[in-house]
Amino acid sequence: MSRRRPDAVDKLVGRNIRVLRLAKELSQTELADGLGITFQQVQKYEKGTNRVGSGRLLKISAILGVKITDFFEGTDQPHDTAQRSVFDQLAQPEPFRLVQAFSRIDRPNIRRTLVRLIEQIAAKQ
């Protein structure tokens, strides 16, 4: 019996594991330790190289403190490469750092000003 290779949903689940892990500020090693596996295995899950079994996914959701359905965020979206989802964006280091820094700004007027600035920069691209 041959093993199934990861498909688009498996890759999306891996991407979401990465985003949710980063949101909890956990390293791959810390997640791996909680699961009793190597960080390389977590790396393979996140890259979509290896499929994540349902039991392992349940353990990951417990460690990250999220609902298991959170890993499937985006599966109901059409796979349009021109319109990337928020999870696609957050899987990248720069957008993730930007969101983290932005969330630490307490003053609403500064937040609004930054949003307008970024929107203006994006419109000129």
Protein backbone atom coordinates (compact mmCIF):
# COMPACT_ATOMS: atom_id res chain seq x y z
CA MET A 1 0.00 0.00 0.00
CA SER A 2 1.46 3.35 -1.02
CA ARG A 3 1.31 6.36 1.27
CA ARG A 4 -0.71 9.37 0.18
CA ARG A 5 1.26 12.44 -0.67
CA PRO A 6 0.31 15.81 0.81
CA ASP A 7 -2.30 17.69 -1.21
CA ALA A 8 -3.35 21.36 -1.22
CA VAL A 9 -5.36 21.00 2.01
CA ASP A 10 -2.42 19.31 3.77
CA LYS A 11 -0.18 22.21 2.74
CA LEU A 12 -2.75 24.73 3.92
CA VAL A 13 -3.01 22.95 7.29
CA GLY A 14 0.78 23.07 7.60
CA ARG A 15 0.83 26.78 6.80
CA ASN A 16 -1.85 27.40 9.43
CA ILE A 17 0.07 25.40 12.02
CA ARG A 18 3.04 27.73 11.39
CA VAL A 19 0.95 30.90 11.67
CA LEU A 20 -0.79 29.75 14.85
CA ARG A 21 2.51 28.57 16.38
CA LEU A 22 4.15 31.91 15.64
CA ALA A 23 1.15 33.74 17.09
CA LYS A 24 1.75 31.84 20.36
CA GLU A 25 5.46 32.73 20.11
CA LEU A 26 6.50 29.08 20.21
CA SER A 27 9.54 27.79 18.37
CA GLN A 28 9.38 24.65 16.26
CA THR A 29 11.50 22.96 18.93
CA GLU A 30 9.06 23.90 21.71
CA LEU A 31 6.10 22.56 19.74
CA ALA A 32 8.05 19.43 18.84
CA ASP A 33 8.97 18.84 22.49
CA GLY A 34 5.31 19.10 23.45
CA LEU A 35 4.46 16.53 20.80
CA GLY A 36 7.38 14.22 21.54
CA ILE A 37 8.81 14.54 18.02
CA THR A 38 11.76 16.30 16.41
CA PHE A 39 11.64 19.91 15.27
CA GLN A 40 12.45 18.61 11.78
CA GLN A 41 9.11 16.79 11.77
CA VAL A 42 7.30 20.01 12.74
CA GLN A 43 9.22 21.73 9.93
CA LYS A 44 7.97 19.11 7.46
CA TYR A 45 4.38 19.56 8.67
CA GLU A 46 4.60 23.33 8.28
CA LYS A 47 6.11 23.15 4.81
CA GLY A 48 3.45 20.65 3.76
CA THR A 49 6.06 18.00 3.00
CA ASN A 50 4.47 15.54 5.45
CA ARG A 51 0.80 15.08 6.21
CA VAL A 52 -0.40 15.63 9.79
CA GLY A 53 -2.47 12.79 11.22
CA SER A 54 -5.72 13.58 13.00
CA GLY A 55 -4.43 12.51 16.43
CA ARG A 56 -1.32 14.66 16.06
CA LEU A 57 -3.43 17.60 14.85
CA LEU A 58 -5.58 17.28 17.97
CA LYS A 59 -2.44 17.41 20.15
CA ILE A 60 -1.16 20.45 18.26
CA SER A 61 -4.49 22.23 18.80
CA ALA A 62 -4.26 21.53 22.55
CA ILE A 63 -0.69 22.82 22.79
CA LEU A 64 -1.51 25.97 20.81
CA GLY A 65 -4.83 26.47 22.57
CA VAL A 66 -6.83 26.72 19.33
CA LYS A 67 -9.81 24.92 17.86
CA ILE A 68 -8.94 22.11 15.49
CA THR A 69 -11.02 23.85 12.82
CA ASP A 70 -8.59 26.80 12.91
CA PHE A 71 -6.09 24.63 11.02
CA PHE A 72 -8.51 24.43 8.09
CA GLU A 73 -8.96 28.21 7.78
CA GLY A 74 -8.86 29.05 4.09
CA THR A 75 -9.94 25.68 2.73
CA ASP A 76 -13.28 27.16 1.72
CA GLN A 77 -11.55 29.95 -0.23
CA PRO A 78 -10.86 29.67 -3.94
CA HIS A 79 -7.15 29.24 -4.59
CA ASP A 80 -6.61 32.49 -6.44
CA THR A 81 -2.93 33.36 -6.44
CA ALA A 82 -3.66 37.04 -7.04
CA GLN A 83 -5.66 37.32 -3.79
CA ARG A 84 -3.63 35.81 -0.95
CA SER A 85 -5.36 35.11 2.35
CA VAL A 86 -4.43 36.66 5.66
CA PHE A 87 -2.94 33.32 6.69
CA ASP A 88 -0.75 33.32 3.56
CA GLN A 89 0.49 36.76 4.54
CA LEU A 90 1.08 35.87 8.20
CA ALA A 91 3.10 32.81 7.21
CA GLN A 92 5.77 35.23 5.96
CA PRO A 93 8.19 36.79 8.48
CA GLU A 94 7.77 40.48 7.59
CA PRO A 95 3.96 40.69 7.69
CA PHE A 96 3.94 38.67 10.90
CA ARG A 97 6.45 41.03 12.54
CA LEU A 98 4.44 44.01 11.31
CA VAL A 99 1.24 42.68 12.89
CA GLN A 100 3.04 41.89 16.15
CA ALA A 101 4.51 45.39 16.36
CA PHE A 102 1.21 47.02 15.35
CA SER A 103 -0.66 45.14 18.07
CA ARG A 104 1.65 46.67 20.69
CA ILE A 105 0.61 50.22 19.74
CA ASP A 106 -2.04 51.37 22.23
CA ARG A 107 -2.92 54.77 20.77
CA PRO A 108 -5.80 54.57 18.24
CA ASN A 109 -4.76 57.75 16.42
CA ILE A 110 -1.28 56.34 15.73
CA ARG A 111 -2.78 53.05 14.56
CA ARG A 112 -5.12 54.85 12.14
CA THR A 113 -2.25 57.00 10.83
CA LEU A 114 -0.09 53.92 10.21
CA VAL A 115 -2.90 52.15 8.36
CA ARG A 116 -3.44 55.19 6.11
CA LEU A 117 0.31 55.44 5.46
CA ILE A 118 0.61 51.79 4.50
CA GLU A 119 -2.47 52.01 2.28
CA GLN A 120 -0.96 55.03 0.49
CA ILE A 121 2.36 53.24 -0.03
CA ALA A 122 0.56 50.15 -1.35
CA ALA A 123 -1.55 52.23 -3.75
CA LYS A 124 1.59 53.68 -5.36
CA GLN A 125 3.09 50.28 -6.15
